[in-house]
């Protein structure tokens, strides 16, 4: 677990709270609050806090205070615009602080929060945390939000052992104490890298190029295919001679069709990856009706 703090203008700029914070790995920084009626609040110390954390190698979580009595889209746009001004990095996390209803019922509050979280995830390409407290969640104000990582305020529970309200099954951050004007937290991660790899920008793996099916060739039937984590694709099929043939794609492009079975096949084929280091299995039915298993240990290049 990793020690953290969360700060706002109440704590002042870094020079006024860092010494009281003690040893910490990451910090949450309040950035914006769009209030009913249109009042826009920006934490005047956010830039200084944000820059200090980066300069000292600390993890960063920017959060907004949410008001369900406002437009979800306006709330998100206000936050994102200000976040871009202070500088958003791929390793930074974001959070919605949800702890007031503005007089609305749980169904409205949870639906509003879901809109905010969905827009944050879509616009910033990272899973937004949701900060709340036990009783607020128990009232139903967080219904349907259990797939977002939970930052739970539970000072009555021991550090790192919070109660987890429905709809969540686990927690990401526990705010467990307030001492010396500092909100103290602990995150449920082994390392700073692990925490912000999960909460930071999610980088989608680049898929291999779509194969041009008109150029794969091969007069085969009962085609099956698989792909290894390194991007190598293998396609197999039963040729007109009834033997199993394979063709492979790698970064060099498509190779040639090669016969890989020693006996003739019929019906369907199955092809699976069993290990990331190149192991795989192929299954086919012989003309006799027996099921045959052959294996590869070199990403489908050779089979036996």
C-alpha atoms as a PDB file:
ATOM      1  CA  UNK A   1       0.000   0.000   0.000  1.00  0.00           C
ATOM      2  CA  UNK A   2       1.149   3.529  -0.817  1.00  0.00           C
ATOM      3  CA  UNK A   3       0.853   6.586   1.422  1.00  0.00           C
ATOM      4  CA  UNK A   4      -0.884   9.594  -0.095  1.00  0.00           C
ATOM      5  CA  UNK A   5      -2.550  12.889   0.791  1.00  0.00           C
ATOM      6  CA  UNK A   6      -5.231  15.020  -0.797  1.00  0.00           C
ATOM      7  CA  UNK A   7      -5.080  18.800  -0.776  1.00  0.00           C
ATOM      8  CA  UNK A   8      -7.060  21.850  -1.834  1.00  0.00           C
ATOM      9  CA  UNK A   9      -6.774  25.584  -1.276  1.00  0.00           C
ATOM     10  CA  UNK A  10      -7.551  24.893   2.396  1.00  0.00           C
ATOM     11  CA  UNK A  11      -4.006  23.546   2.790  1.00  0.00           C
ATOM     12  CA  UNK A  12      -2.479  26.379   0.748  1.00  0.00           C
ATOM     13  CA  UNK A  13       0.486  26.053  -1.651  1.00  0.00           C
ATOM     14  CA  UNK A  14       3.049  23.246  -1.198  1.00  0.00           C
ATOM     15  CA  UNK A  15       5.233  25.271   1.159  1.00  0.00           C
ATOM     16  CA  UNK A  16       2.390  25.268   3.671  1.00  0.00           C
ATOM     17  CA  UNK A  17       1.501  21.584   3.670  1.00  0.00           C
ATOM     18  CA  UNK A  18       4.412  19.429   2.457  1.00  0.00           C
ATOM     19  CA  UNK A  19       6.269  19.291   5.781  1.00  0.00           C
ATOM     20  CA  UNK A  20       3.078  18.325   7.642  1.00  0.00           C
ATOM     21  CA  UNK A  21       2.316  15.631   5.066  1.00  0.00           C
ATOM     22  CA  UNK A  22       5.400  13.598   5.929  1.00  0.00           C
ATOM     23  CA  UNK A  23       6.439  10.763   3.630  1.00  0.00           C
ATOM     24  CA  UNK A  24       3.993  10.229   0.773  1.00  0.00           C
ATOM     25  CA  UNK A  25       4.133   8.704  -2.705  1.00  0.00           C
ATOM     26  CA  UNK A  26       1.194  10.412  -4.398  1.00  0.00           C
ATOM     27  CA  UNK A  27      -1.289  13.217  -3.828  1.00  0.00           C
ATOM     28  CA  UNK A  28      -4.768  14.216  -4.921  1.00  0.00           C
ATOM     29  CA  UNK A  29      -5.268  17.864  -5.866  1.00  0.00           C
ATOM     30  CA  UNK A  30      -8.648  19.587  -6.050  1.00  0.00           C
ATOM     31  CA  UNK A  31      -8.907  21.498  -9.306  1.00  0.00           C
ATOM     32  CA  UNK A  32     -12.459  22.667 -10.064  1.00  0.00           C
ATOM     33  CA  UNK A  33     -15.990  22.957  -8.705  1.00  0.00           C
ATOM     34  CA  UNK A  34     -18.886  23.970 -10.930  1.00  0.00           C
ATOM     35  CA  UNK A  35     -21.687  25.028  -8.612  1.00  0.00           C
ATOM     36  CA  UNK A  36     -25.437  25.265  -9.256  1.00  0.00           C
ATOM     37  CA  UNK A  37     -26.168  28.666 -10.704  1.00  0.00           C
ATOM     38  CA  UNK A  38     -23.006  28.641 -12.789  1.00  0.00           C
ATOM     39  CA  UNK A  39     -20.365  29.740 -10.271  1.00  0.00           C
ATOM     40  CA  UNK A  40     -16.987  28.369 -11.364  1.00  0.00           C
ATOM     41  CA  UNK A  41     -14.348  27.733  -8.739  1.00  0.00           C
ATOM     42  CA  UNK A  42     -10.710  26.975  -9.583  1.00  0.00           C
ATOM     43  CA  UNK A  43      -8.287  26.056  -6.824  1.00  0.00           C
ATOM     44  CA  UNK A  44      -5.733  28.918  -6.887  1.00  0.00           C
ATOM     45  CA  UNK A  45      -3.004  26.602  -5.557  1.00  0.00           C
ATOM     46  CA  UNK A  46      -3.625  23.748  -8.009  1.00  0.00           C
ATOM     47  CA  UNK A  47      -0.869  24.712 -10.440  1.00  0.00           C
ATOM     48  CA  UNK A  48       1.710  25.053  -7.670  1.00  0.00           C
ATOM     49  CA  UNK A  49       0.677  21.715  -6.145  1.00  0.00           C
ATOM     50  CA  UNK A  50       0.679  20.003  -9.556  1.00  0.00           C
ATOM     51  CA  UNK A  51       4.122  21.307 -10.459  1.00  0.00           C
ATOM     52  CA  UNK A  52       5.582  20.413  -7.065  1.00  0.00           C
ATOM     53  CA  UNK A  53       4.385  16.824  -7.336  1.00  0.00           C
ATOM     54  CA  UNK A  54       5.885  16.409 -10.806  1.00  0.00           C
ATOM     55  CA  UNK A  55       9.189  17.984  -9.803  1.00  0.00           C
ATOM     56  CA  UNK A  56       9.505  15.581  -6.862  1.00  0.00           C
ATOM     57  CA  UNK A  57       8.460  12.419  -8.683  1.00  0.00           C
ATOM     58  CA  UNK A  58       5.130  12.030  -6.895  1.00  0.00           C
ATOM     59  CA  UNK A  59       2.032  10.475  -8.429  1.00  0.00           C
ATOM     60  CA  UNK A  60      -0.772  12.928  -9.238  1.00  0.00           C
ATOM     61  CA  UNK A  61      -4.572  12.667  -9.045  1.00  0.00           C
ATOM     62  CA  UNK A  62      -6.619  15.689 -10.159  1.00  0.00           C
ATOM     63  CA  UNK A  63     -10.166  15.812  -8.849  1.00  0.00           C
ATOM     64  CA  UNK A  64     -13.294  17.891  -9.249  1.00  0.00           C
ATOM     65  CA  UNK A  65     -15.977  18.465  -6.640  1.00  0.00           C
ATOM     66  CA  UNK A  66     -19.238  17.368  -8.211  1.00  0.00           C
ATOM     67  CA  UNK A  67     -22.668  18.995  -8.012  1.00  0.00           C
ATOM     68  CA  UNK A  68     -25.551  16.896  -9.392  1.00  0.00           C
ATOM     69  CA  UNK A  69     -27.516  20.132  -9.746  1.00  0.00           C
ATOM     70  CA  UNK A  70     -25.329  21.160 -12.700  1.00  0.00           C
ATOM     71  CA  UNK A  71     -24.877  19.895 -16.250  1.00  0.00           C
ATOM     72  CA  UNK A  72     -22.651  16.802 -16.349  1.00  0.00           C
ATOM     73  CA  UNK A  73     -21.186  17.921 -19.675  1.00  0.00           C
ATOM     74  CA  UNK A  74     -20.442  21.440 -18.429  1.00  0.00           C
ATOM     75  CA  UNK A  75     -18.868  20.022 -15.278  1.00  0.00           C
ATOM     76  CA  UNK A  76     -16.567  17.750 -17.262  1.00  0.00           C
ATOM     77  CA  UNK A  77     -15.658  20.404 -19.835  1.00  0.00           C
ATOM     78  CA  UNK A  78     -14.766  22.901 -17.112  1.00  0.00           C
ATOM     79  CA  UNK A  79     -12.545  20.348 -15.388  1.00  0.00           C
ATOM     80  CA  UNK A  80     -10.863  19.069 -18.559  1.00  0.00           C
ATOM     81  CA  UNK A  81     -10.134  22.599 -19.812  1.00  0.00           C
ATOM     82  CA  UNK A  82      -8.465  23.566 -16.536  1.00  0.00           C
ATOM     83  CA  UNK A  83      -6.633  20.247 -16.346  1.00  0.00           C
ATOM     84  CA  UNK A  84      -5.144  20.820 -19.780  1.00  0.00           C
ATOM     85  CA  UNK A  85      -3.955  24.250 -18.629  1.00  0.00           C
ATOM     86  CA  UNK A  86      -1.991  22.906 -15.660  1.00  0.00           C
ATOM     87  CA  UNK A  87      -0.650  19.997 -17.739  1.00  0.00           C
ATOM     88  CA  UNK A  88      -1.973  16.468 -18.055  1.00  0.00           C
ATOM     89  CA  UNK A  89       0.469  13.574 -18.430  1.00  0.00           C
ATOM     90  CA  UNK A  90      -0.295   9.987 -19.380  1.00  0.00           C
ATOM     91  CA  UNK A  91       0.607   8.870 -15.848  1.00  0.00           C
ATOM     92  CA  UNK A  92      -1.854  11.250 -14.152  1.00  0.00           C
ATOM     93  CA  UNK A  93      -5.154  10.035 -12.706  1.00  0.00           C
ATOM     94  CA  UNK A  94      -8.482  11.860 -12.376  1.00  0.00           C
ATOM     95  CA  UNK A  95     -11.359  11.645  -9.928  1.00  0.00           C
ATOM     96  CA  UNK A  96     -14.920  12.799  -9.277  1.00  0.00           C
ATOM     97  CA  UNK A  97     -15.558  13.845  -5.657  1.00  0.00           C
ATOM     98  CA  UNK A  98     -19.217  12.882  -5.119  1.00  0.00           C
ATOM     99  CA  UNK A  99     -20.571  13.736  -1.690  1.00  0.00           C
ATOM    100  CA  UNK A 100     -23.538  16.122  -2.130  1.00  0.00           C
ATOM    101  CA  UNK A 101     -26.972  15.636  -3.699  1.00  0.00           C
ATOM    102  CA  UNK A 102     -27.995  19.289  -4.256  1.00  0.00           C
ATOM    103  CA  UNK A 103     -31.441  18.189  -3.120  1.00  0.00           C
ATOM    104  CA  UNK A 104     -31.883  15.473  -5.733  1.00  0.00           C
ATOM    105  CA  UNK A 105     -32.767  11.841  -5.110  1.00  0.00           C
ATOM    106  CA  UNK A 106     -30.363   8.897  -5.438  1.00  0.00           C
ATOM    107  CA  UNK A 107     -31.529   7.966  -8.957  1.00  0.00           C
ATOM    108  CA  UNK A 108     -30.691  11.433 -10.297  1.00  0.00           C
ATOM    109  CA  UNK A 109     -27.404  11.662  -8.392  1.00  0.00           C
ATOM    110  CA  UNK A 110     -26.111   8.284  -9.565  1.00  0.00           C
ATOM    111  CA  UNK A 111     -27.221   8.877 -13.172  1.00  0.00           C
ATOM    112  CA  UNK A 112     -25.523  12.289 -13.186  1.00  0.00           C
ATOM    113  CA  UNK A 113     -22.314  10.796 -11.775  1.00  0.00           C
ATOM    114  CA  UNK A 114     -22.390   8.025 -14.350  1.00  0.00           C
ATOM    115  CA  UNK A 115     -22.569  10.631 -17.127  1.00  0.00           C
ATOM    116  CA  UNK A 116     -19.609  12.495 -15.632  1.00  0.00           C
ATOM    117  CA  UNK A 117     -17.507   9.348 -15.272  1.00  0.00           C
ATOM    118  CA  UNK A 118     -18.356   8.124 -18.752  1.00  0.00           C
ATOM    119  CA  UNK A 119     -17.363  11.461 -20.298  1.00  0.00           C
ATOM    120  CA  UNK A 120     -14.144  11.628 -18.277  1.00  0.00           C
ATOM    121  CA  UNK A 121     -13.174   8.152 -19.404  1.00  0.00           C
ATOM    122  CA  UNK A 122     -14.017   8.921 -23.030  1.00  0.00           C
ATOM    123  CA  UNK A 123     -12.253  12.287 -23.158  1.00  0.00           C
ATOM    124  CA  UNK A 124      -9.187  11.476 -21.050  1.00  0.00           C
ATOM    125  CA  UNK A 125      -8.769   7.765 -21.897  1.00  0.00           C
ATOM    126  CA  UNK A 126      -8.282   6.648 -18.308  1.00  0.00           C
ATOM    127  CA  UNK A 127     -10.602   5.131 -15.656  1.00  0.00           C
ATOM    128  CA  UNK A 128     -11.757   7.941 -13.352  1.00  0.00           C
ATOM    129  CA  UNK A 129     -11.764   7.300  -9.621  1.00  0.00           C
ATOM    130  CA  UNK A 130     -14.888   8.063  -7.637  1.00  0.00           C
ATOM    131  CA  UNK A 131     -14.479   9.566  -4.164  1.00  0.00           C
ATOM    132  CA  UNK A 132     -17.346   9.221  -1.719  1.00  0.00           C
ATOM    133  CA  UNK A 133     -18.152   8.219   1.858  1.00  0.00           C
ATOM    134  CA  UNK A 134     -19.925   5.228   3.391  1.00  0.00           C
ATOM    135  CA  UNK A 135     -23.322   6.680   4.286  1.00  0.00           C
ATOM    136  CA  UNK A 136     -23.623   8.577   1.004  1.00  0.00           C
ATOM    137  CA  UNK A 137     -23.080   5.367  -0.963  1.00  0.00           C
ATOM    138  CA  UNK A 138     -25.451   3.377   1.270  1.00  0.00           C
ATOM    139  CA  UNK A 139     -28.235   5.820   0.397  1.00  0.00           C
ATOM    140  CA  UNK A 140     -28.025   4.656  -3.226  1.00  0.00           C
ATOM    141  CA  UNK A 141     -26.293   7.724  -4.629  1.00  0.00           C
ATOM    142  CA  UNK A 142     -23.595   5.569  -6.261  1.00  0.00           C
ATOM    143  CA  UNK A 143     -25.798   2.895  -7.837  1.00  0.00           C
ATOM    144  CA  UNK A 144     -24.307   1.526 -11.056  1.00  0.00           C
ATOM    145  CA  UNK A 145     -20.876   3.043 -10.462  1.00  0.00           C
ATOM    146  CA  UNK A 146     -19.145  -0.046  -9.089  1.00  0.00           C
ATOM    147  CA  UNK A 147     -17.006  -0.524 -12.211  1.00  0.00           C
ATOM    148  CA  UNK A 148     -15.098   2.691 -11.440  1.00  0.00           C
ATOM    149  CA  UNK A 149     -12.206   2.504  -8.937  1.00  0.00           C
ATOM    150  CA  UNK A 150     -13.315   3.535  -5.449  1.00  0.00           C
ATOM    151  CA  UNK A 151     -11.701   6.200  -3.282  1.00  0.00           C
ATOM    152  CA  UNK A 152     -13.548   5.726  -0.002  1.00  0.00           C
ATOM    153  CA  UNK A 153     -13.563   8.087   2.979  1.00  0.00           C
ATOM    154  CA  UNK A 154     -13.783   5.851   6.053  1.00  0.00           C
ATOM    155  CA  UNK A 155     -11.873   7.346   8.996  1.00  0.00           C
ATOM    156  CA  UNK A 156     -13.529   4.941  11.438  1.00  0.00           C
ATOM    157  CA  UNK A 157     -11.714   1.935   9.930  1.00  0.00           C
ATOM    158  CA  UNK A 158      -8.023   1.047  10.329  1.00  0.00           C
ATOM    159  CA  UNK A 159      -5.592   2.290   7.698  1.00  0.00           C
ATOM    160  CA  UNK A 160      -5.877   0.142   4.582  1.00  0.00           C
ATOM    161  CA  UNK A 161      -8.915  -1.794   5.840  1.00  0.00           C
ATOM    162  CA  UNK A 162     -11.930   0.299   4.837  1.00  0.00           C
ATOM    163  CA  UNK A 163     -15.504  -0.861   4.680  1.00  0.00           C
ATOM    164  CA  UNK A 164     -16.499  -1.227   1.037  1.00  0.00           C
ATOM    165  CA  UNK A 165     -20.093  -0.156   0.314  1.00  0.00           C
ATOM    166  CA  UNK A 166     -22.237  -1.482  -2.497  1.00  0.00           C
ATOM    167  CA  UNK A 167     -21.989  -1.456  -5.472  1.00  0.00           C
ATOM    168  CA  UNK A 168     -18.218  -1.962  -5.043  1.00  0.00           C
ATOM    169  CA  UNK A 169     -16.465  -5.179  -4.152  1.00  0.00           C
ATOM    170  CA  UNK A 170     -13.026  -3.697  -3.524  1.00  0.00           C
ATOM    171  CA  UNK A 171     -11.299  -0.342  -3.043  1.00  0.00           C
ATOM    172  CA  UNK A 172      -8.500   1.612  -4.710  1.00  0.00           C
ATOM    173  CA  UNK A 173      -7.840   4.388  -2.158  1.00  0.00           C
ATOM    174  CA  UNK A 174      -8.758   4.681   1.519  1.00  0.00           C
ATOM    175  CA  UNK A 175      -8.945   8.116   3.157  1.00  0.00           C
ATOM    176  CA  UNK A 176      -8.405   7.016   6.730  1.00  0.00           C
ATOM    177  CA  UNK A 177      -7.466  10.096   8.770  1.00  0.00           C
ATOM    178  CA  UNK A 178      -7.276  13.878   8.955  1.00  0.00           C
ATOM    179  CA  UNK A 179      -4.385  15.150  11.037  1.00  0.00           C
ATOM    180  CA  UNK A 180      -2.426  18.371  10.959  1.00  0.00           C
ATOM    181  CA  UNK A 181      -4.954  19.784   8.423  1.00  0.00           C
ATOM    182  CA  UNK A 182      -3.937  17.000   6.031  1.00  0.00           C
ATOM    183  CA  UNK A 183      -6.301  14.393   4.626  1.00  0.00           C
ATOM    184  CA  UNK A 184      -4.333  11.153   4.760  1.00  0.00           C
ATOM    185  CA  UNK A 185      -4.854   8.260   2.393  1.00  0.00           C
ATOM    186  CA  UNK A 186      -3.420   4.926   1.387  1.00  0.00           C
ATOM    187  CA  UNK A 187      -3.775   3.318  -2.042  1.00  0.00           C
ATOM    188  CA  UNK A 188      -4.278  -0.375  -2.677  1.00  0.00           C
ATOM    189  CA  UNK A 189      -1.255  -0.833  -4.978  1.00  0.00           C
ATOM    190  CA  UNK A 190       2.202  -2.310  -4.479  1.00  0.00           C
ATOM    191  CA  UNK A 191       4.127   0.406  -6.342  1.00  0.00           C
ATOM    192  CA  UNK A 192       3.626   3.873  -7.755  1.00  0.00           C
ATOM    193  CA  UNK A 193       4.134   2.472 -11.245  1.00  0.00           C
ATOM    194  CA  UNK A 194       1.428  -0.137 -10.730  1.00  0.00           C
ATOM    195  CA  UNK A 195      -0.997   2.458  -9.374  1.00  0.00           C
ATOM    196  CA  UNK A 196      -0.699   4.893 -12.240  1.00  0.00           C
ATOM    197  CA  UNK A 197      -0.377   2.235 -14.897  1.00  0.00           C
ATOM    198  CA  UNK A 198      -3.879   1.201 -13.861  1.00  0.00           C
ATOM    199  CA  UNK A 199      -5.305   4.678 -13.216  1.00  0.00           C
ATOM    200  CA  UNK A 200      -3.387   6.639 -15.871  1.00  0.00           C
ATOM    201  CA  UNK A 201      -3.999   6.807 -19.593  1.00  0.00           C
ATOM    202  CA  UNK A 202      -4.823   3.429 -21.047  1.00  0.00           C
ATOM    203  CA  UNK A 203      -2.692   2.768 -24.112  1.00  0.00           C
ATOM    204  CA  UNK A 204      -4.415   0.464 -26.551  1.00  0.00           C
ATOM    205  CA  UNK A 205      -2.106  -2.111 -28.154  1.00  0.00           C
ATOM    206  CA  UNK A 206      -1.581  -1.606 -31.859  1.00  0.00           C
ATOM    207  CA  UNK A 207      -3.204  -4.522 -33.676  1.00  0.00           C
ATOM    208  CA  UNK A 208      -1.421  -6.186 -36.571  1.00  0.00           C
ATOM    209  CA  UNK A 209      -2.430  -4.920 -39.997  1.00  0.00           C
ATOM    210  CA  UNK A 210      -5.640  -6.331 -41.349  1.00  0.00           C
ATOM    211  CA  UNK A 211      -4.579  -9.137 -43.668  1.00  0.00           C
ATOM    212  CA  UNK A 212      -5.621  -8.722 -47.267  1.00  0.00           C
ATOM    213  CA  UNK A 213      -7.749 -11.816 -47.613  1.00  0.00           C
ATOM    214  CA  UNK A 214      -7.672 -11.724 -51.390  1.00  0.00           C
ATOM    215  CA  UNK A 215      -3.897 -12.209 -51.221  1.00  0.00           C
ATOM    216  CA  UNK A 216      -3.687 -14.949 -48.597  1.00  0.00           C
ATOM    217  CA  UNK A 217      -4.382 -17.543 -51.242  1.00  0.00           C
ATOM    218  CA  UNK A 218      -4.470 -21.244 -50.637  1.00  0.00           C
ATOM    219  CA  UNK A 219      -7.274 -23.511 -51.758  1.00  0.00           C
ATOM    220  CA  UNK A 220      -8.243 -24.646 -48.252  1.00  0.00           C
ATOM    221  CA  UNK A 221     -11.371 -25.266 -46.191  1.00  0.00           C
ATOM    222  CA  UNK A 222     -12.209 -25.521 -42.464  1.00  0.00           C
ATOM    223  CA  UNK A 223     -10.000 -22.510 -41.721  1.00  0.00           C
ATOM    224  CA  UNK A 224      -8.925 -21.737 -38.141  1.00  0.00           C
ATOM    225  CA  UNK A 225      -6.598 -19.023 -36.828  1.00  0.00           C
ATOM    226  CA  UNK A 226      -4.862 -17.804 -33.695  1.00  0.00           C
ATOM    227  CA  UNK A 227      -2.555 -14.978 -32.615  1.00  0.00           C
ATOM    228  CA  UNK A 228       0.290 -14.907 -30.091  1.00  0.00           C
ATOM    229  CA  UNK A 229       0.857 -11.884 -27.805  1.00  0.00           C
ATOM    230  CA  UNK A 230       3.869 -10.904 -29.936  1.00  0.00           C
ATOM    231  CA  UNK A 231       1.535 -10.311 -32.882  1.00  0.00           C
ATOM    232  CA  UNK A 232       2.289 -13.467 -34.901  1.00  0.00           C
ATOM    233  CA  UNK A 233      -0.820 -14.838 -36.622  1.00  0.00           C
ATOM    234  CA  UNK A 234      -1.187 -18.399 -37.871  1.00  0.00           C
ATOM    235  CA  UNK A 235      -3.954 -19.533 -40.211  1.00  0.00           C
ATOM    236  CA  UNK A 236      -4.544 -23.239 -40.895  1.00  0.00           C
ATOM    237  CA  UNK A 237      -6.866 -25.043 -43.269  1.00  0.00           C
ATOM    238  CA  UNK A 238      -7.488 -28.389 -44.927  1.00  0.00           C
ATOM    239  CA  UNK A 239      -6.124 -28.422 -48.465  1.00  0.00           C
ATOM    240  CA  UNK A 240      -7.559 -30.142 -51.507  1.00  0.00           C
ATOM    241  CA  UNK A 241      -5.162 -33.004 -50.755  1.00  0.00           C
ATOM    242  CA  UNK A 242      -6.859 -33.388 -47.318  1.00  0.00           C
ATOM    243  CA  UNK A 243      -3.660 -32.508 -45.417  1.00  0.00           C
ATOM    244  CA  UNK A 244      -3.485 -29.567 -42.981  1.00  0.00           C
ATOM    245  CA  UNK A 245      -1.669 -26.498 -44.332  1.00  0.00           C
ATOM    246  CA  UNK A 246      -0.650 -23.357 -42.505  1.00  0.00           C
ATOM    247  CA  UNK A 247       0.320 -19.807 -43.338  1.00  0.00           C
ATOM    248  CA  UNK A 248       1.799 -17.326 -40.849  1.00  0.00           C
ATOM    249  CA  UNK A 249       1.908 -13.533 -40.554  1.00  0.00           C
ATOM    250  CA  UNK A 250       4.666 -11.689 -38.718  1.00  0.00           C
ATOM    251  CA  UNK A 251       6.209  -8.235 -38.956  1.00  0.00           C
ATOM    252  CA  UNK A 252       7.807  -9.356 -42.217  1.00  0.00           C
ATOM    253  CA  UNK A 253       4.361 -10.035 -43.696  1.00  0.00           C
ATOM    254  CA  UNK A 254       2.701 -13.257 -44.830  1.00  0.00           C
ATOM    255  CA  UNK A 255       4.836 -16.332 -45.396  1.00  0.00           C
ATOM    256  CA  UNK A 256       4.079 -19.245 -47.719  1.00  0.00           C
ATOM    257  CA  UNK A 257       1.527 -21.989 -47.230  1.00  0.00           C
ATOM    258  CA  UNK A 258       3.214 -25.100 -45.819  1.00  0.00           C
ATOM    259  CA  UNK A 259       1.884 -28.589 -45.123  1.00  0.00           C
ATOM    260  CA  UNK A 260       2.053 -29.392 -41.396  1.00  0.00           C
ATOM    261  CA  UNK A 261       0.110 -32.636 -40.868  1.00  0.00           C
ATOM    262  CA  UNK A 262       1.430 -36.129 -41.607  1.00  0.00           C
ATOM    263  CA  UNK A 263      -2.043 -37.612 -41.966  1.00  0.00           C
ATOM    264  CA  UNK A 264      -5.153 -36.510 -43.784  1.00  0.00           C
ATOM    265  CA  UNK A 265      -7.842 -34.487 -42.038  1.00  0.00           C
ATOM    266  CA  UNK A 266     -11.562 -33.924 -42.346  1.00  0.00           C
ATOM    267  CA  UNK A 267     -14.234 -31.802 -40.694  1.00  0.00           C
ATOM    268  CA  UNK A 268     -13.065 -28.851 -38.617  1.00  0.00           C
ATOM    269  CA  UNK A 269      -9.801 -27.630 -37.109  1.00  0.00           C
ATOM    270  CA  UNK A 270      -8.985 -26.065 -33.735  1.00  0.00           C
ATOM    271  CA  UNK A 271      -5.947 -23.870 -33.080  1.00  0.00           C
ATOM    272  CA  UNK A 272      -4.989 -22.337 -29.725  1.00  0.00           C
ATOM    273  CA  UNK A 273      -2.141 -20.480 -28.033  1.00  0.00           C
ATOM    274  CA  UNK A 274      -1.019 -22.175 -24.827  1.00  0.00           C
ATOM    275  CA  UNK A 275       1.922 -19.956 -23.863  1.00  0.00           C
ATOM    276  CA  UNK A 276       3.202 -16.506 -24.761  1.00  0.00           C
ATOM    277  CA  UNK A 277       6.675 -17.869 -25.551  1.00  0.00           C
ATOM    278  CA  UNK A 278       5.529 -19.583 -28.730  1.00  0.00           C
ATOM    279  CA  UNK A 279       3.727 -22.725 -27.617  1.00  0.00           C
ATOM    280  CA  UNK A 280       0.437 -23.739 -29.188  1.00  0.00           C
ATOM    281  CA  UNK A 281      -1.783 -26.693 -30.017  1.00  0.00           C
ATOM    282  CA  UNK A 282      -3.688 -27.782 -33.126  1.00  0.00           C
ATOM    283  CA  UNK A 283      -6.422 -30.406 -33.274  1.00  0.00           C
ATOM    284  CA  UNK A 284      -7.875 -32.158 -36.295  1.00  0.00           C
ATOM    285  CA  UNK A 285      -9.841 -35.304 -37.097  1.00  0.00           C
ATOM    286  CA  UNK A 286      -8.241 -38.013 -39.240  1.00  0.00           C
ATOM    287  CA  UNK A 287     -10.234 -39.812 -41.900  1.00  0.00           C
ATOM    288  CA  UNK A 288     -10.303 -42.746 -39.476  1.00  0.00           C
ATOM    289  CA  UNK A 289     -12.223 -40.594 -36.999  1.00  0.00           C
ATOM    290  CA  UNK A 290      -9.387 -40.266 -34.469  1.00  0.00           C
ATOM    291  CA  UNK A 291      -8.673 -36.822 -32.994  1.00  0.00           C
ATOM    292  CA  UNK A 292      -5.052 -35.789 -33.469  1.00  0.00           C
ATOM    293  CA  UNK A 293      -3.140 -33.216 -31.408  1.00  0.00           C
ATOM    294  CA  UNK A 294       0.028 -31.612 -32.769  1.00  0.00           C
ATOM    295  CA  UNK A 295       2.110 -28.970 -31.042  1.00  0.00           C
ATOM    296  CA  UNK A 296       4.360 -26.027 -31.842  1.00  0.00           C
ATOM    297  CA  UNK A 297       6.999 -24.349 -29.717  1.00  0.00           C
ATOM    298  CA  UNK A 298       8.080 -21.720 -32.251  1.00  0.00           C
ATOM    299  CA  UNK A 299       4.920 -19.652 -32.837  1.00  0.00           C
ATOM    300  CA  UNK A 300       3.479 -22.036 -35.406  1.00  0.00           C
ATOM    301  CA  UNK A 301       6.529 -22.345 -37.654  1.00  0.00           C
ATOM    302  CA  UNK A 302       6.911 -26.090 -37.133  1.00  0.00           C
ATOM    303  CA  UNK A 303       4.428 -28.648 -35.802  1.00  0.00           C
ATOM    304  CA  UNK A 304       4.877 -32.178 -34.448  1.00  0.00           C
END
